[in-house]
């Protein structure tokens, strides 16, 4: 049984995305103040191997840019406005890195996290496996493999994570051949 704090389990999907631009630091800071049971995030890797928070494969819907995340460098992503689409008062909000998110939530050991890896092998091949390896490595480096954290990693259909971040600090990524 998961350790929910609320009578009805509450998940902050992409942060407090009802009132703030999704997958932004503003949305996550607000979500943490509201004390949900879980925060759900989406990860993509940039062309230069940096992991960022964004749901879509393209930056078009939630920024003032155009194109695929995996075809942009972190510097290009950081120049994009990720708030103006939601409301003018959020203009200037930037796409956060996974590291920025981890720095924010490291002090919330009672929080559950659903981390969805959005780079899919069907679209990006080996890049997707590298993205998974980098993302999971960042969780470990930040100390999220400790027994005090509850993390669910959602992977594309043909990337499997065996083990558990809390069991023997072991995560093994396996590549499966497509059927």
Foldseek 3Di string as FASTA:
>chain_A
DADFPDPDADEQEQAVVVQFQGQFPVRNVVRVVVDGQEYEWEWDAACVGFIWTDDDQFCVQQWVDTDGRNDHDPVVQQVIFRGVNPPVVSGPTGTGTVLVVLVVCVVPLSHEYEYEYDDECVVVNPSSVSNVVSVLVSCVVSPVLDLSHHYHYHYYPQWDWPDGSHPPNDTDIDGDDDD
